[in-house]
Amino acid sequence: MNEERIKQAMLSAIERTDFVRVVAGLVGKEEGETRSSTGAGTGTGENVTGGTQRLLTRIVLGDILDDAILGARPQDRTFPLRVFFSELGALLASEENAAAEVAFTLASGLNFFFRAEMDPEAKIRVGLEVSRQLYALAHDAHAKMDADMVAKAAPLLATLMTTELERARFESVDHVKVYDSQIHERTAASDPTGSRILRPASFLCRVQANNAVKAKAQVVT
């Protein structure tokens, strides 16, 4: 799927929702709570940190993820997803600006995907763009995320995001090592003749009813 079309669909979907208003209201609420607790807004850093922490929790979906993820133990199937969101939160609060920037892009996309109302086709396109940002973060030199952790978390995130879709589903292709033109498309940075997949760059999307490929997974060969 054309990357520019995905971005345009995302922007179009934003225009048709109140997502921006909701986020602005959320930030305003946090700022109001901080000013209220500090008088004229010049109180202790401890109060500011509390408001920032609550907002950060929401940005990493801490208020909508269920206990099966938030409370997952190392032996649980969903534990890699818990680790992933924990690392995402750490990157958002990082003093490494480059890493925080990429992490914020992904977190913003996830929030838009899970919180905003939009038509099914736009939802799919936004989800694919979110998956692209996931892998951009996973391979960002500043973020330094554990590749094995991302590979384990990606299929769980794809399943979680599929709960928001009506007639389609997302799949990760992290486990696939050989290029297949029926389900993959190479990124611009790929070797056009390469058959070995070096890394995935987005999710695969299938139609639930018949398993047909709706959008191929982008990969680097």
N, C-alpha and C. Protein backbone atom coordinates (compact mmCIF):
# COMPACT_ATOMS: atom_id res chain seq x y z
N MET A 1 0.85 -1.20 0.00
CA MET A 1 0.00 0.00 0.00
C MET A 1 0.88 1.24 0.00
N ASN A 2 0.52 2.26 -0.79
CA ASN A 2 1.30 3.48 -0.91
C ASN A 2 1.37 4.21 0.43
N GLU A 3 2.60 4.52 0.88
CA GLU A 3 2.79 5.13 2.18
C GLU A 3 2.13 6.50 2.28
N GLU A 4 2.20 7.28 1.20
CA GLU A 4 1.60 8.61 1.21
C GLU A 4 0.08 8.52 1.35
N ARG A 5 -0.53 7.51 0.74
CA ARG A 5 -1.98 7.32 0.86
C ARG A 5 -2.36 6.97 2.29
N ILE A 6 -1.52 6.18 2.96
CA ILE A 6 -1.78 5.83 4.36
C ILE A 6 -1.75 7.09 5.22
N LYS A 7 -0.73 7.93 5.01
CA LYS A 7 -0.62 9.15 5.80
C LYS A 7 -1.80 10.08 5.54
N GLN A 8 -2.21 10.18 4.28
CA GLN A 8 -3.34 11.04 3.95
C GLN A 8 -4.62 10.51 4.58
N ALA A 9 -4.77 9.19 4.59
CA ALA A 9 -5.95 8.59 5.23
C ALA A 9 -5.96 8.89 6.72
N MET A 10 -4.77 8.85 7.34
CA MET A 10 -4.67 9.14 8.76
C MET A 10 -5.06 10.58 9.05
N LEU A 11 -4.55 11.51 8.22
CA LEU A 11 -4.88 12.92 8.40
C LEU A 11 -6.38 13.16 8.16
N SER A 12 -6.93 12.49 7.15
CA SER A 12 -8.34 12.64 6.85
C SER A 12 -9.20 12.14 7.99
N ALA A 13 -8.78 11.00 8.58
CA ALA A 13 -9.53 10.45 9.70
C ALA A 13 -9.47 11.38 10.91
N ILE A 14 -8.31 12.00 11.13
CA ILE A 14 -8.18 12.95 12.23
C ILE A 14 -9.15 14.10 12.06
N GLU A 15 -9.27 14.59 10.83
CA GLU A 15 -10.16 15.71 10.56
C GLU A 15 -11.62 15.37 10.84
N ARG A 16 -11.98 14.08 10.70
CA ARG A 16 -13.38 13.68 10.89
C ARG A 16 -13.69 13.26 12.32
N THR A 17 -12.72 13.40 13.23
CA THR A 17 -12.95 13.00 14.62
C THR A 17 -12.65 14.16 15.55
N ASP A 18 -12.96 13.94 16.83
CA ASP A 18 -12.65 14.96 17.82
C ASP A 18 -11.40 14.57 18.61
N PHE A 19 -10.52 13.79 17.99
CA PHE A 19 -9.32 13.30 18.68
C PHE A 19 -8.46 14.45 19.19
N VAL A 20 -8.24 15.44 18.34
CA VAL A 20 -7.40 16.56 18.75
C VAL A 20 -8.01 17.28 19.95
N ARG A 21 -9.34 17.47 19.92
CA ARG A 21 -10.02 18.13 21.04
C ARG A 21 -9.88 17.32 22.33
N VAL A 22 -10.01 16.02 22.21
CA VAL A 22 -9.90 15.14 23.38
C VAL A 22 -8.52 15.22 24.00
N VAL A 23 -7.48 15.16 23.14
CA VAL A 23 -6.12 15.23 23.64
C VAL A 23 -5.84 16.59 24.27
N ALA A 24 -6.31 17.65 23.60
CA ALA A 24 -6.12 19.00 24.14
C ALA A 24 -6.80 19.13 25.50
N GLY A 25 -8.01 18.55 25.62
CA GLY A 25 -8.72 18.59 26.88
C GLY A 25 -8.00 17.82 27.96
N LEU A 26 -7.42 16.69 27.58
CA LEU A 26 -6.68 15.86 28.53
C LEU A 26 -5.47 16.61 29.06
N VAL A 27 -4.72 17.23 28.14
CA VAL A 27 -3.55 18.01 28.55
C VAL A 27 -3.96 19.18 29.42
N GLY A 28 -5.04 19.86 29.02
CA GLY A 28 -5.53 20.99 29.79
C GLY A 28 -5.93 20.58 31.20
N LYS A 29 -6.57 19.41 31.30
CA LYS A 29 -6.98 18.91 32.61
C LYS A 29 -5.78 18.67 33.50
N GLU A 30 -4.74 18.03 32.92
CA GLU A 30 -3.54 17.76 33.69
C GLU A 30 -2.87 19.05 34.14
N GLU A 31 -2.82 20.04 33.23
CA GLU A 31 -2.20 21.31 33.60
C GLU A 31 -3.00 22.01 34.69
N GLY A 32 -4.35 21.92 34.59
CA GLY A 32 -5.20 22.52 35.60
C GLY A 32 -5.00 21.90 36.95
N GLU A 33 -4.90 20.56 36.98
CA GLU A 33 -4.68 19.86 38.24
C GLU A 33 -3.36 20.26 38.86
N THR A 34 -2.32 20.44 38.03
CA THR A 34 -1.01 20.82 38.53
C THR A 34 -1.04 22.22 39.11
N ARG A 35 -1.70 23.16 38.37
CA ARG A 35 -1.76 24.54 38.87
C ARG A 35 -2.56 24.60 40.17
N SER A 36 -3.64 23.80 40.23
CA SER A 36 -4.48 23.79 41.43
C SER A 36 -3.71 23.30 42.63
N SER A 37 -2.89 22.28 42.42
CA SER A 37 -2.17 21.68 43.54
C SER A 37 -0.96 22.50 43.94
N THR A 38 -0.54 23.45 43.07
CA THR A 38 0.65 24.25 43.37
C THR A 38 0.31 25.72 43.57
N GLY A 39 -0.97 26.06 43.67
CA GLY A 39 -1.35 27.44 43.87
C GLY A 39 -1.26 28.22 42.58
N ALA A 40 -0.20 28.98 42.40
CA ALA A 40 -0.04 29.81 41.21
C ALA A 40 0.79 29.11 40.14
N GLY A 41 0.95 27.81 40.29
CA GLY A 41 1.70 27.08 39.27
C GLY A 41 3.20 27.16 39.50
N THR A 42 3.64 27.55 40.69
CA THR A 42 5.07 27.66 40.97
C THR A 42 5.44 26.80 42.16
N GLY A 43 4.68 25.71 42.34
CA GLY A 43 4.91 24.85 43.50
C GLY A 43 6.06 23.91 43.27
N THR A 44 6.04 22.80 44.00
CA THR A 44 7.15 21.87 43.98
C THR A 44 7.15 21.05 42.71
N GLY A 45 8.32 20.56 42.35
CA GLY A 45 8.47 19.70 41.20
C GLY A 45 7.76 18.38 41.41
N GLU A 46 7.54 18.01 42.68
CA GLU A 46 6.90 16.74 42.98
C GLU A 46 5.47 16.71 42.43
N ASN A 47 4.74 17.82 42.59
CA ASN A 47 3.37 17.88 42.09
C ASN A 47 3.34 17.83 40.57
N VAL A 48 4.26 18.52 39.91
CA VAL A 48 4.33 18.51 38.46
C VAL A 48 4.61 17.10 37.97
N THR A 49 5.52 16.41 38.66
CA THR A 49 5.86 15.06 38.28
C THR A 49 4.66 14.14 38.38
N GLY A 50 3.82 14.34 39.40
CA GLY A 50 2.62 13.52 39.55
C GLY A 50 1.68 13.68 38.38
N GLY A 51 1.46 14.93 37.94
CA GLY A 51 0.58 15.16 36.79
C GLY A 51 1.18 14.60 35.51
N THR A 52 2.48 14.78 35.36
CA THR A 52 3.16 14.26 34.18
C THR A 52 3.08 12.74 34.14
N GLN A 53 3.22 12.11 35.31
CA GLN A 53 3.17 10.66 35.37
C GLN A 53 1.79 10.13 34.99
N ARG A 54 0.74 10.81 35.42
CA ARG A 54 -0.63 10.38 35.07
C ARG A 54 -0.85 10.49 33.56
N LEU A 55 -0.36 11.57 32.98
CA LEU A 55 -0.51 11.75 31.54
C LEU A 55 0.31 10.72 30.79
N LEU A 56 1.52 10.45 31.27
CA LEU A 56 2.37 9.45 30.63
C LEU A 56 1.71 8.08 30.67
N THR A 57 1.06 7.77 31.78
CA THR A 57 0.36 6.48 31.91
C THR A 57 -0.71 6.34 30.84
N ARG A 58 -1.43 7.42 30.58
CA ARG A 58 -2.47 7.38 29.55
C ARG A 58 -1.88 7.29 28.16
N ILE A 59 -0.77 7.98 27.94
CA ILE A 59 -0.14 7.95 26.62
C ILE A 59 0.29 6.53 26.26
N VAL A 60 0.74 5.75 27.23
CA VAL A 60 1.13 4.36 26.95
C VAL A 60 -0.03 3.40 27.20
N LEU A 61 -1.26 3.94 27.15
CA LEU A 61 -2.50 3.16 27.21
C LEU A 61 -2.71 2.44 28.54
N GLY A 62 -2.07 2.93 29.60
CA GLY A 62 -2.19 2.28 30.89
C GLY A 62 -3.60 2.29 31.45
N ASP A 63 -4.45 3.19 30.96
CA ASP A 63 -5.82 3.27 31.46
C ASP A 63 -6.78 2.37 30.69
N ILE A 64 -6.35 1.80 29.55
CA ILE A 64 -7.27 0.95 28.77
C ILE A 64 -6.76 -0.48 28.58
N LEU A 65 -5.47 -0.73 28.86
CA LEU A 65 -4.97 -2.09 28.78
C LEU A 65 -5.50 -2.90 29.95
N ASP A 66 -5.85 -4.16 29.73
CA ASP A 66 -6.41 -4.95 30.82
C ASP A 66 -5.30 -5.56 31.68
N ASP A 67 -5.72 -6.16 32.80
CA ASP A 67 -4.76 -6.71 33.76
C ASP A 67 -3.94 -7.86 33.20
N ALA A 68 -4.47 -8.53 32.17
CA ALA A 68 -3.73 -9.64 31.57
C ALA A 68 -2.43 -9.15 30.94
N ILE A 69 -2.39 -7.86 30.60
CA ILE A 69 -1.17 -7.27 30.04
C ILE A 69 -0.41 -6.52 31.13
N LEU A 70 -1.11 -5.63 31.84
CA LEU A 70 -0.45 -4.80 32.84
C LEU A 70 0.13 -5.61 33.98
N GLY A 71 -0.53 -6.73 34.32
CA GLY A 71 -0.06 -7.55 35.44
C GLY A 71 0.60 -8.84 35.01
N ALA A 72 0.98 -8.94 33.73
CA ALA A 72 1.57 -10.17 33.22
C ALA A 72 2.89 -10.49 33.92
N ARG A 73 3.10 -11.77 34.19
CA ARG A 73 4.34 -12.24 34.79
C ARG A 73 5.22 -12.85 33.70
N PRO A 74 6.51 -13.03 33.98
CA PRO A 74 7.42 -13.54 32.96
C PRO A 74 6.97 -14.84 32.28
N GLN A 75 6.24 -15.66 33.00
CA GLN A 75 5.79 -16.92 32.40
C GLN A 75 4.51 -16.78 31.59
N ASP A 76 3.87 -15.61 31.63
CA ASP A 76 2.61 -15.40 30.92
C ASP A 76 2.86 -15.07 29.45
N ARG A 77 1.90 -15.47 28.61
CA ARG A 77 2.02 -15.24 27.16
C ARG A 77 2.11 -13.76 26.82
N THR A 78 1.42 -12.91 27.59
CA THR A 78 1.36 -11.49 27.27
C THR A 78 2.49 -10.68 27.88
N PHE A 79 3.42 -11.35 28.55
CA PHE A 79 4.50 -10.61 29.23
C PHE A 79 5.33 -9.75 28.27
N PRO A 80 5.66 -10.21 27.05
CA PRO A 80 6.43 -9.34 26.14
C PRO A 80 5.73 -8.02 25.84
N LEU A 81 4.40 -8.04 25.82
CA LEU A 81 3.66 -6.81 25.56
C LEU A 81 3.77 -5.85 26.74
N ARG A 82 3.75 -6.40 27.94
CA ARG A 82 3.94 -5.57 29.13
C ARG A 82 5.32 -4.92 29.11
N VAL A 83 6.34 -5.71 28.76
CA VAL A 83 7.70 -5.18 28.69
C VAL A 83 7.80 -4.10 27.61
N PHE A 84 7.15 -4.34 26.48
CA PHE A 84 7.19 -3.38 25.39
C PHE A 84 6.61 -2.03 25.82
N PHE A 85 5.42 -2.04 26.43
CA PHE A 85 4.81 -0.77 26.85
C PHE A 85 5.62 -0.10 27.95
N SER A 86 6.26 -0.90 28.78
CA SER A 86 7.12 -0.35 29.82
C SER A 86 8.31 0.37 29.20
N GLU A 87 8.93 -0.25 28.20
CA GLU A 87 10.07 0.36 27.54
C GLU A 87 9.64 1.59 26.74
N LEU A 88 8.44 1.53 26.16
CA LEU A 88 7.92 2.68 25.43
C LEU A 88 7.78 3.87 26.37
N GLY A 89 7.24 3.62 27.56
CA GLY A 89 7.10 4.68 28.55
C GLY A 89 8.45 5.25 28.98
N ALA A 90 9.44 4.38 29.14
CA ALA A 90 10.77 4.83 29.53
C ALA A 90 11.39 5.70 28.44
N LEU A 91 11.16 5.34 27.19
CA LEU A 91 11.70 6.15 26.09
C LEU A 91 11.02 7.51 26.02
N LEU A 92 9.71 7.54 26.29
CA LEU A 92 8.98 8.81 26.26
C LEU A 92 9.52 9.78 27.31
N ALA A 93 9.96 9.24 28.44
CA ALA A 93 10.48 10.07 29.53
C ALA A 93 11.98 10.26 29.44
N SER A 94 12.58 9.71 28.39
CA SER A 94 14.04 9.75 28.24
C SER A 94 14.53 11.15 27.93
N GLU A 95 15.75 11.42 28.36
CA GLU A 95 16.39 12.70 28.03
C GLU A 95 17.04 12.64 26.66
N GLU A 96 17.04 11.47 26.05
CA GLU A 96 17.55 11.32 24.68
C GLU A 96 16.45 11.77 23.72
N ASN A 97 16.58 13.00 23.23
CA ASN A 97 15.51 13.61 22.45
C ASN A 97 15.15 12.82 21.19
N ALA A 98 16.15 12.29 20.51
CA ALA A 98 15.88 11.57 19.27
C ALA A 98 15.05 10.32 19.54
N ALA A 99 15.38 9.59 20.60
CA ALA A 99 14.62 8.38 20.96
C ALA A 99 13.21 8.75 21.41
N ALA A 100 13.09 9.80 22.21
CA ALA A 100 11.79 10.22 22.71
C ALA A 100 10.88 10.66 21.57
N GLU A 101 11.46 11.27 20.55
CA GLU A 101 10.68 11.75 19.41
C GLU A 101 10.04 10.59 18.65
N VAL A 102 10.83 9.54 18.38
CA VAL A 102 10.31 8.38 17.67
C VAL A 102 9.28 7.64 18.53
N ALA A 103 9.56 7.54 19.83
CA ALA A 103 8.64 6.87 20.75
C ALA A 103 7.32 7.62 20.83
N PHE A 104 7.38 8.95 20.83
CA PHE A 104 6.16 9.75 20.92
C PHE A 104 5.31 9.60 19.66
N THR A 105 5.96 9.49 18.51
CA THR A 105 5.23 9.27 17.26
C THR A 105 4.44 7.98 17.32
N LEU A 106 5.08 6.91 17.79
CA LEU A 106 4.39 5.63 17.91
C LEU A 106 3.27 5.69 18.95
N ALA A 107 3.55 6.27 20.11
CA ALA A 107 2.54 6.35 21.17
C ALA A 107 1.33 7.17 20.72
N SER A 108 1.59 8.25 19.98
CA SER A 108 0.49 9.08 19.48
C SER A 108 -0.37 8.28 18.50
N GLY A 109 0.29 7.52 17.63
CA GLY A 109 -0.44 6.69 16.67
C GLY A 109 -1.28 5.63 17.36
N LEU A 110 -0.73 4.99 18.39
CA LEU A 110 -1.47 3.97 19.14
C LEU A 110 -2.69 4.58 19.82
N ASN A 111 -2.51 5.76 20.41
CA ASN A 111 -3.63 6.43 21.07
C ASN A 111 -4.71 6.79 20.08
N PHE A 112 -4.30 7.30 18.93
CA PHE A 112 -5.29 7.65 17.91
C PHE A 112 -6.04 6.41 17.45
N PHE A 113 -5.30 5.33 17.23
CA PHE A 113 -5.91 4.08 16.75
C PHE A 113 -6.93 3.54 17.75
N PHE A 114 -6.58 3.52 19.03
CA PHE A 114 -7.45 2.90 20.03
C PHE A 114 -8.54 3.83 20.56
N ARG A 115 -8.34 5.14 20.49
CA ARG A 115 -9.28 6.06 21.13
C ARG A 115 -10.21 6.77 20.16
N ALA A 116 -9.80 6.98 18.93
CA ALA A 116 -10.59 7.78 18.00
C ALA A 116 -11.60 6.93 17.23
N GLU A 117 -12.75 7.51 16.95
CA GLU A 117 -13.75 6.87 16.12
C GLU A 117 -13.46 7.22 14.66
N MET A 118 -13.46 6.22 13.79
CA MET A 118 -13.22 6.45 12.36
C MET A 118 -13.81 5.30 11.57
N ASP A 119 -13.93 5.48 10.26
CA ASP A 119 -14.51 4.41 9.45
C ASP A 119 -13.53 3.26 9.34
N PRO A 120 -14.02 2.03 9.07
CA PRO A 120 -13.18 0.82 9.09
C PRO A 120 -11.95 0.89 8.19
N GLU A 121 -12.09 1.44 6.98
CA GLU A 121 -10.96 1.49 6.07
C GLU A 121 -9.87 2.42 6.60
N ALA A 122 -10.28 3.55 7.15
CA ALA A 122 -9.31 4.48 7.73
C ALA A 122 -8.63 3.83 8.93
N LYS A 123 -9.38 3.05 9.71
CA LYS A 123 -8.83 2.36 10.87
C LYS A 123 -7.71 1.42 10.44
N ILE A 124 -7.93 0.70 9.36
CA ILE A 124 -6.92 -0.23 8.86
C ILE A 124 -5.67 0.53 8.42
N ARG A 125 -5.86 1.62 7.69
CA ARG A 125 -4.72 2.39 7.19
C ARG A 125 -3.92 3.01 8.33
N VAL A 126 -4.63 3.51 9.33
CA VAL A 126 -3.95 4.06 10.49
C VAL A 126 -3.18 2.96 11.21
N GLY A 127 -3.81 1.79 11.36
CA GLY A 127 -3.14 0.67 12.02
C GLY A 127 -1.87 0.25 11.31
N LEU A 128 -1.90 0.25 9.99
CA LEU A 128 -0.70 -0.11 9.23
C LEU A 128 0.40 0.92 9.42
N GLU A 129 0.02 2.19 9.46
CA GLU A 129 1.01 3.23 9.69
C GLU A 129 1.58 3.10 11.11
N VAL A 130 0.74 2.76 12.07
CA VAL A 130 1.22 2.53 13.44
C VAL A 130 2.24 1.39 13.47
N SER A 131 1.94 0.31 12.74
CA SER A 131 2.88 -0.82 12.72
C SER A 131 4.20 -0.41 12.07
N ARG A 132 4.13 0.46 11.08
CA ARG A 132 5.36 0.94 10.46
C ARG A 132 6.20 1.73 11.47
N GLN A 133 5.51 2.52 12.29
CA GLN A 133 6.21 3.28 13.32
C GLN A 133 6.79 2.36 14.40
N LEU A 134 6.08 1.25 14.67
CA LEU A 134 6.59 0.27 15.63
C LEU A 134 7.96 -0.23 15.21
N TYR A 135 8.09 -0.62 13.95
CA TYR A 135 9.36 -1.16 13.48
C TYR A 135 10.41 -0.07 13.29
N ALA A 136 9.96 1.15 13.01
CA ALA A 136 10.90 2.27 12.94
C ALA A 136 11.54 2.49 14.30
N LEU A 137 10.72 2.41 15.35
CA LEU A 137 11.24 2.56 16.71
C LEU A 137 12.13 1.38 17.08
N ALA A 138 11.71 0.18 16.70
CA ALA A 138 12.46 -1.03 17.06
C ALA A 138 13.88 -1.00 16.50
N HIS A 139 14.06 -0.35 15.36
CA HIS A 139 15.37 -0.34 14.72
C HIS A 139 16.01 1.05 14.76
N ASP A 140 15.50 1.92 15.62
CA ASP A 140 16.09 3.24 15.76
C ASP A 140 17.37 3.13 16.60
N ALA A 141 18.44 3.71 16.11
CA ALA A 141 19.73 3.58 16.78
C ALA A 141 19.74 4.23 18.16
N HIS A 142 18.91 5.26 18.35
CA HIS A 142 18.88 5.97 19.63
C HIS A 142 18.03 5.23 20.66
N ALA A 143 16.98 4.58 20.21
CA ALA A 143 16.07 3.89 21.13
C ALA A 143 16.70 2.65 21.73
N LYS A 144 17.45 1.90 20.94
CA LYS A 144 18.16 0.71 21.41
C LYS A 144 17.21 -0.31 22.06
N MET A 145 16.08 -0.55 21.42
CA MET A 145 15.14 -1.54 21.94
C MET A 145 15.67 -2.95 21.64
N ASP A 146 15.35 -3.88 22.53
CA ASP A 146 15.79 -5.26 22.37
C ASP A 146 15.02 -5.90 21.21
N ALA A 147 15.73 -6.34 20.19
CA ALA A 147 15.10 -6.88 18.99
C ALA A 147 14.28 -8.13 19.29
N ASP A 148 14.77 -8.98 20.18
CA ASP A 148 14.05 -10.21 20.52
C ASP A 148 12.74 -9.88 21.22
N MET A 149 12.77 -8.88 22.10
CA MET A 149 11.55 -8.47 22.80
C MET A 149 10.51 -7.95 21.83
N VAL A 150 10.94 -7.13 20.88
CA VAL A 150 10.01 -6.57 19.89
C VAL A 150 9.41 -7.68 19.04
N ALA A 151 10.24 -8.66 18.64
CA ALA A 151 9.76 -9.77 17.83
C ALA A 151 8.70 -10.59 18.57
N LYS A 152 8.82 -10.68 19.89
CA LYS A 152 7.84 -11.42 20.69
C LYS A 152 6.59 -10.57 20.95
N ALA A 153 6.78 -9.26 21.08
CA ALA A 153 5.65 -8.37 21.37
C ALA A 153 4.81 -8.06 20.14
N ALA A 154 5.44 -8.04 18.95
CA ALA A 154 4.75 -7.63 17.73
C ALA A 154 3.51 -8.46 17.42
N PRO A 155 3.55 -9.81 17.46
CA PRO A 155 2.33 -10.56 17.18
C PRO A 155 1.23 -10.32 18.21
N LEU A 156 1.63 -10.07 19.46
CA LEU A 156 0.65 -9.78 20.51
C LEU A 156 0.00 -8.41 20.26
N LEU A 157 0.81 -7.44 19.83
CA LEU A 157 0.26 -6.12 19.52
C LEU A 157 -0.66 -6.19 18.32
N ALA A 158 -0.28 -6.99 17.32
CA ALA A 158 -1.13 -7.16 16.14
C ALA A 158 -2.48 -7.75 16.53
N THR A 159 -2.47 -8.72 17.43
CA THR A 159 -3.72 -9.33 17.91
C THR A 159 -4.55 -8.32 18.70
N LEU A 160 -3.88 -7.54 19.53
CA LEU A 160 -4.57 -6.52 20.32
C LEU A 160 -5.22 -5.48 19.41
N MET A 161 -4.50 -5.04 18.39
CA MET A 161 -5.04 -4.04 17.47
C MET A 161 -6.17 -4.60 16.63
N THR A 162 -6.14 -5.90 16.36
CA THR A 162 -7.20 -6.53 15.58
C THR A 162 -8.55 -6.46 16.29
N THR A 163 -8.54 -6.37 17.61
CA THR A 163 -9.80 -6.27 18.35
C THR A 163 -10.56 -5.00 18.00
N GLU A 164 -9.87 -4.04 17.39
CA GLU A 164 -10.50 -2.79 16.99
C GLU A 164 -11.04 -2.83 15.56
N LEU A 165 -10.77 -3.91 14.84
CA LEU A 165 -11.19 -4.02 13.44
C LEU A 165 -12.46 -4.84 13.31
N GLU A 166 -13.22 -4.57 12.25
CA GLU A 166 -14.49 -5.25 12.05
C GLU A 166 -14.38 -6.48 11.15
N ARG A 167 -13.71 -6.35 10.02
CA ARG A 167 -13.68 -7.45 9.05
C ARG A 167 -12.28 -7.78 8.56
N ALA A 168 -11.29 -7.33 9.29
CA ALA A 168 -9.90 -7.58 8.90
C ALA A 168 -9.09 -7.92 10.14
N ARG A 169 -7.88 -8.37 9.92
CA ARG A 169 -7.00 -8.65 11.05
C ARG A 169 -5.55 -8.35 10.66
N PHE A 170 -4.78 -7.95 11.65
CA PHE A 170 -3.36 -7.70 11.47
C PHE A 170 -2.56 -8.92 11.88
N GLU A 171 -1.46 -9.16 11.19
CA GLU A 171 -0.54 -10.23 11.54
C GLU A 171 0.89 -9.70 11.46
N SER A 172 1.73 -10.11 12.38
CA SER A 172 3.14 -9.78 12.26
C SER A 172 3.82 -10.84 11.41
N VAL A 173 4.89 -10.45 10.76
CA VAL A 173 5.63 -11.40 9.92
C VAL A 173 7.07 -11.55 10.43
N ASP A 174 7.25 -11.29 11.72
CA ASP A 174 8.59 -11.36 12.29
C ASP A 174 9.20 -12.75 12.17
N HIS A 175 8.36 -13.76 12.16
CA HIS A 175 8.86 -15.14 12.11
C HIS A 175 9.21 -15.61 10.71
N VAL A 176 8.84 -14.85 9.69
CA VAL A 176 9.07 -15.24 8.29
C VAL A 176 10.43 -14.73 7.85
N LYS A 177 11.23 -15.60 7.27
CA LYS A 177 12.60 -15.24 6.90
C LYS A 177 12.84 -15.16 5.40
N VAL A 178 11.90 -15.68 4.60
CA VAL A 178 12.07 -15.69 3.15
C VAL A 178 10.98 -14.84 2.49
N TYR A 179 11.40 -13.99 1.56
CA TYR A 179 10.47 -13.09 0.88
C TYR A 179 9.46 -13.86 0.03
N ASP A 180 8.19 -13.49 0.18
CA ASP A 180 7.09 -14.09 -0.58
C ASP A 180 6.26 -12.95 -1.17
N SER A 181 6.27 -12.80 -2.46
CA SER A 181 5.61 -11.67 -3.10
C SER A 181 4.10 -11.66 -2.88
N GLN A 182 3.54 -12.78 -2.46
CA GLN A 182 2.09 -12.83 -2.23
C GLN A 182 1.70 -12.13 -0.93
N ILE A 183 2.62 -12.05 0.02
CA ILE A 183 2.29 -11.42 1.30
C ILE A 183 3.25 -10.29 1.67
N HIS A 184 4.32 -10.12 0.93
CA HIS A 184 5.31 -9.10 1.25
C HIS A 184 5.48 -8.10 0.11
N GLU A 185 5.91 -6.90 0.49
CA GLU A 185 6.41 -5.94 -0.50
C GLU A 185 7.66 -5.29 0.09
N ARG A 186 8.66 -5.09 -0.75
CA ARG A 186 9.94 -4.55 -0.29
C ARG A 186 9.85 -3.05 -0.05
N THR A 187 10.57 -2.59 0.95
CA THR A 187 10.69 -1.15 1.18
C THR A 187 11.67 -0.57 0.17
N ALA A 188 11.70 0.74 0.09
CA ALA A 188 12.58 1.41 -0.87
C ALA A 188 14.05 1.13 -0.57
N ALA A 189 14.36 0.84 0.69
CA ALA A 189 15.75 0.60 1.08
C ALA A 189 16.19 -0.84 0.85
N SER A 190 15.32 -1.67 0.34
CA SER A 190 15.61 -3.10 0.18
C SER A 190 16.46 -3.39 -1.06
N ASP A 191 17.09 -4.55 -1.03
CA ASP A 191 17.74 -5.09 -2.22
C ASP A 191 16.62 -5.68 -3.08
N PRO A 192 16.36 -5.14 -4.27
CA PRO A 192 15.23 -5.60 -5.08
C PRO A 192 15.33 -7.05 -5.53
N THR A 193 16.52 -7.63 -5.41
CA THR A 193 16.69 -9.03 -5.82
C THR A 193 16.86 -9.96 -4.62
N GLY A 194 16.91 -9.38 -3.43
CA GLY A 194 17.14 -10.19 -2.23
C GLY A 194 15.93 -11.05 -1.88
N SER A 195 16.19 -12.27 -1.44
CA SER A 195 15.11 -13.18 -1.05
C SER A 195 15.06 -13.38 0.46
N ARG A 196 16.13 -12.99 1.15
CA ARG A 196 16.15 -13.15 2.61
C ARG A 196 15.64 -11.88 3.28
N ILE A 197 14.69 -12.03 4.18
CA ILE A 197 14.12 -10.89 4.90
C ILE A 197 15.05 -10.51 6.04
N LEU A 198 15.53 -9.29 6.02
CA LEU A 198 16.41 -8.80 7.08
C LEU A 198 15.61 -8.36 8.29
N ARG A 199 14.47 -7.74 8.03
CA ARG A 199 13.59 -7.32 9.12
C ARG A 199 12.24 -6.88 8.56
N PRO A 200 11.18 -7.01 9.35
CA PRO A 200 9.87 -6.52 8.91
C PRO A 200 9.78 -5.01 9.06
N ALA A 201 8.87 -4.39 8.32
CA ALA A 201 8.70 -2.94 8.40
C ALA A 201 7.25 -2.54 8.63
N SER A 202 6.32 -3.50 8.56
CA SER A 202 4.91 -3.22 8.88
C SER A 202 4.18 -4.55 9.05
N PHE A 203 2.95 -4.48 9.54
CA PHE A 203 2.12 -5.67 9.67
C PHE A 203 1.53 -6.09 8.32
N LEU A 204 1.13 -7.32 8.28
CA LEU A 204 0.31 -7.85 7.18
C LEU A 204 -1.15 -7.68 7.58
N CYS A 205 -2.02 -7.39 6.62
CA CYS A 205 -3.45 -7.28 6.91
C CYS A 205 -4.22 -8.25 6.01
N ARG A 206 -5.07 -9.06 6.64
CA ARG A 206 -5.88 -10.02 5.90
C ARG A 206 -7.38 -9.75 6.13
N VAL A 207 -8.18 -10.20 5.18
CA VAL A 207 -9.63 -10.17 5.33
C VAL A 207 -10.02 -11.37 6.19
N GLN A 208 -10.77 -11.15 7.25
CA GLN A 208 -11.09 -12.24 8.17
C GLN A 208 -11.95 -13.31 7.52
N ALA A 209 -12.87 -12.94 6.64
CA ALA A 209 -13.83 -13.88 6.09
C ALA A 209 -13.19 -14.96 5.23
N ASN A 210 -12.19 -14.57 4.42
CA ASN A 210 -11.62 -15.53 3.48
C ASN A 210 -10.09 -15.62 3.53
N ASN A 211 -9.47 -14.93 4.46
CA ASN A 211 -8.03 -14.97 4.65
C ASN A 211 -7.23 -14.30 3.52
N ALA A 212 -7.93 -13.61 2.63
CA ALA A 212 -7.25 -12.94 1.52
C ALA A 212 -6.38 -11.78 2.04
N VAL A 213 -5.31 -11.51 1.33
CA VAL A 213 -4.41 -10.42 1.72
C VAL A 213 -5.03 -9.09 1.32
N LYS A 214 -5.22 -8.24 2.29
CA LYS A 214 -5.78 -6.91 2.03
C LYS A 214 -4.66 -5.88 1.86
N ALA A 215 -3.63 -6.01 2.63
CA ALA A 215 -2.45 -5.14 2.52
C ALA A 215 -1.22 -5.97 2.84
N LYS A 216 -0.25 -5.98 1.95
CA LYS A 216 0.96 -6.76 2.16
C LYS A 216 1.82 -6.14 3.25
N ALA A 217 2.59 -6.98 3.90
CA ALA A 217 3.54 -6.50 4.92
C ALA A 217 4.77 -5.95 4.23
N GLN A 218 5.22 -4.80 4.65
CA GLN A 218 6.45 -4.24 4.14
C GLN A 218 7.63 -4.90 4.85
N VAL A 219 8.66 -5.25 4.11
CA VAL A 219 9.83 -5.90 4.67
C VAL A 219 11.09 -5.32 4.04
N VAL A 220 12.19 -5.49 4.72
CA VAL A 220 13.49 -5.07 4.20
C VAL A 220 14.26 -6.34 3.82
N THR A 221 14.68 -6.42 2.57
CA THR A 221 15.46 -7.57 2.11
C THR A 221 16.88 -7.17 1.78
